[in-house]
């Protein structure tokens, strides 16, 4: 178990609230871990916040490549591009 107070605080946040954070907050949180050099303690426990965005982007891009040129798909692709 982690003995450092900062490590415990981060662990509590990860277990209790990380999945509920917005994408921007998850990115900020990972940056804070990197700055404090705590990312090595939690490297395997955190999902990459951009991973879900990339997966959704790939799915929409595939639909577009298959000929589905629905305007909502194009709009979602633009939105995801900005978020990434």
C-alpha atoms as a PDB file:
ATOM      1  CA  UNK A   1       0.000   0.000   0.000  1.00  0.00           C
ATOM      2  CA  UNK A   2       1.215   3.541  -0.673  1.00  0.00           C
ATOM      3  CA  UNK A   3       2.692   5.287   2.351  1.00  0.00           C
ATOM      4  CA  UNK A   4       3.043   8.808   0.995  1.00  0.00           C
ATOM      5  CA  UNK A   5       0.129  11.196   1.729  1.00  0.00           C
ATOM      6  CA  UNK A   6       0.088  12.541  -1.833  1.00  0.00           C
ATOM      7  CA  UNK A   7      -0.009   9.040  -3.184  1.00  0.00           C
ATOM      8  CA  UNK A   8      -2.983   8.184  -0.973  1.00  0.00           C
ATOM      9  CA  UNK A   9      -4.818  11.308  -2.094  1.00  0.00           C
ATOM     10  CA  UNK A  10      -4.253  10.438  -5.726  1.00  0.00           C
ATOM     11  CA  UNK A  11      -5.311   6.828  -5.134  1.00  0.00           C
ATOM     12  CA  UNK A  12      -8.566   7.963  -3.496  1.00  0.00           C
ATOM     13  CA  UNK A  13      -9.281  10.257  -6.440  1.00  0.00           C
ATOM     14  CA  UNK A  14      -8.561   7.502  -8.931  1.00  0.00           C
ATOM     15  CA  UNK A  15     -10.739   4.931  -7.211  1.00  0.00           C
ATOM     16  CA  UNK A  16     -13.597   7.297  -6.459  1.00  0.00           C
ATOM     17  CA  UNK A  17     -13.849   9.878  -9.166  1.00  0.00           C
ATOM     18  CA  UNK A  18     -11.472   9.502 -12.101  1.00  0.00           C
ATOM     19  CA  UNK A  19     -14.038   7.894 -14.394  1.00  0.00           C
ATOM     20  CA  UNK A  20     -16.514  10.675 -13.617  1.00  0.00           C
ATOM     21  CA  UNK A  21     -14.139  13.455 -14.717  1.00  0.00           C
ATOM     22  CA  UNK A  22     -14.533  15.173 -18.067  1.00  0.00           C
ATOM     23  CA  UNK A  23     -11.944  14.477 -20.777  1.00  0.00           C
ATOM     24  CA  UNK A  24     -10.275  17.851 -20.139  1.00  0.00           C
ATOM     25  CA  UNK A  25     -10.086  17.160 -16.400  1.00  0.00           C
ATOM     26  CA  UNK A  26      -8.617  13.696 -17.025  1.00  0.00           C
ATOM     27  CA  UNK A  27      -5.936  15.230 -19.241  1.00  0.00           C
ATOM     28  CA  UNK A  28      -5.165  17.843 -16.574  1.00  0.00           C
ATOM     29  CA  UNK A  29      -5.030  15.145 -13.900  1.00  0.00           C
ATOM     30  CA  UNK A  30      -2.539  13.097 -15.925  1.00  0.00           C
ATOM     31  CA  UNK A  31      -0.427  16.241 -16.403  1.00  0.00           C
ATOM     32  CA  UNK A  32      -0.447  16.824 -12.635  1.00  0.00           C
ATOM     33  CA  UNK A  33       0.698  13.241 -12.094  1.00  0.00           C
ATOM     34  CA  UNK A  34       3.533  13.792 -14.564  1.00  0.00           C
ATOM     35  CA  UNK A  35       4.606  17.058 -12.920  1.00  0.00           C
ATOM     36  CA  UNK A  36       4.629  15.492  -9.446  1.00  0.00           C
ATOM     37  CA  UNK A  37       6.326  12.340 -10.783  1.00  0.00           C
ATOM     38  CA  UNK A  38       3.515  10.208  -9.370  1.00  0.00           C
ATOM     39  CA  UNK A  39       2.488   8.873 -12.771  1.00  0.00           C
ATOM     40  CA  UNK A  40       4.720   5.854 -12.215  1.00  0.00           C
ATOM     41  CA  UNK A  41       2.674   4.836  -9.169  1.00  0.00           C
ATOM     42  CA  UNK A  42      -0.587   4.918 -11.123  1.00  0.00           C
ATOM     43  CA  UNK A  43       0.525   4.307 -14.692  1.00  0.00           C
ATOM     44  CA  UNK A  44      -1.287   0.991 -15.099  1.00  0.00           C
ATOM     45  CA  UNK A  45      -4.433   2.067 -13.271  1.00  0.00           C
ATOM     46  CA  UNK A  46      -5.339   5.081 -15.402  1.00  0.00           C
ATOM     47  CA  UNK A  47      -7.012   4.899 -18.773  1.00  0.00           C
ATOM     48  CA  UNK A  48      -5.743   7.311 -21.377  1.00  0.00           C
ATOM     49  CA  UNK A  49      -8.398  10.042 -21.568  1.00  0.00           C
ATOM     50  CA  UNK A  50      -7.885  10.431 -25.297  1.00  0.00           C
ATOM     51  CA  UNK A  51      -8.259   6.708 -25.972  1.00  0.00           C
ATOM     52  CA  UNK A  52     -12.063   6.832 -26.025  1.00  0.00           C
ATOM     53  CA  UNK A  53     -11.974   9.897 -28.283  1.00  0.00           C
ATOM     54  CA  UNK A  54      -9.607   8.151 -30.693  1.00  0.00           C
ATOM     55  CA  UNK A  55     -11.807   5.046 -30.779  1.00  0.00           C
ATOM     56  CA  UNK A  56     -14.910   7.107 -31.539  1.00  0.00           C
ATOM     57  CA  UNK A  57     -12.996   9.074 -34.196  1.00  0.00           C
ATOM     58  CA  UNK A  58     -11.829   5.858 -35.873  1.00  0.00           C
ATOM     59  CA  UNK A  59     -15.375   4.473 -35.864  1.00  0.00           C
ATOM     60  CA  UNK A  60     -16.848   7.619 -37.426  1.00  0.00           C
ATOM     61  CA  UNK A  61     -14.009   7.867 -39.939  1.00  0.00           C
ATOM     62  CA  UNK A  62     -14.655   4.263 -40.971  1.00  0.00           C
ATOM     63  CA  UNK A  63     -18.339   4.985 -41.512  1.00  0.00           C
ATOM     64  CA  UNK A  64     -17.454   7.982 -43.659  1.00  0.00           C
ATOM     65  CA  UNK A  65     -14.982   5.913 -45.696  1.00  0.00           C
ATOM     66  CA  UNK A  66     -17.706   3.313 -46.294  1.00  0.00           C
ATOM     67  CA  UNK A  67     -19.834   5.988 -47.928  1.00  0.00           C
ATOM     68  CA  UNK A  68     -22.056   7.089 -45.057  1.00  0.00           C
ATOM     69  CA  UNK A  69     -21.878  10.862 -45.545  1.00  0.00           C
ATOM     70  CA  UNK A  70     -24.570  11.728 -43.026  1.00  0.00           C
ATOM     71  CA  UNK A  71     -24.087  15.379 -41.933  1.00  0.00           C
ATOM     72  CA  UNK A  72     -24.270  14.378 -38.257  1.00  0.00           C
ATOM     73  CA  UNK A  73     -21.257  12.077 -38.717  1.00  0.00           C
ATOM     74  CA  UNK A  74     -19.262  14.882 -40.315  1.00  0.00           C
ATOM     75  CA  UNK A  75     -20.266  17.222 -37.486  1.00  0.00           C
ATOM     76  CA  UNK A  76     -19.217  14.648 -34.862  1.00  0.00           C
ATOM     77  CA  UNK A  77     -15.870  14.127 -36.621  1.00  0.00           C
ATOM     78  CA  UNK A  78     -15.212  17.866 -36.569  1.00  0.00           C
ATOM     79  CA  UNK A  79     -16.118  18.044 -32.891  1.00  0.00           C
ATOM     80  CA  UNK A  80     -13.857  15.105 -32.013  1.00  0.00           C
ATOM     81  CA  UNK A  81     -10.997  16.635 -34.000  1.00  0.00           C
ATOM     82  CA  UNK A  82     -11.244  19.790 -31.913  1.00  0.00           C
ATOM     83  CA  UNK A  83     -11.434  17.824 -28.640  1.00  0.00           C
ATOM     84  CA  UNK A  84      -8.320  15.808 -29.505  1.00  0.00           C
END
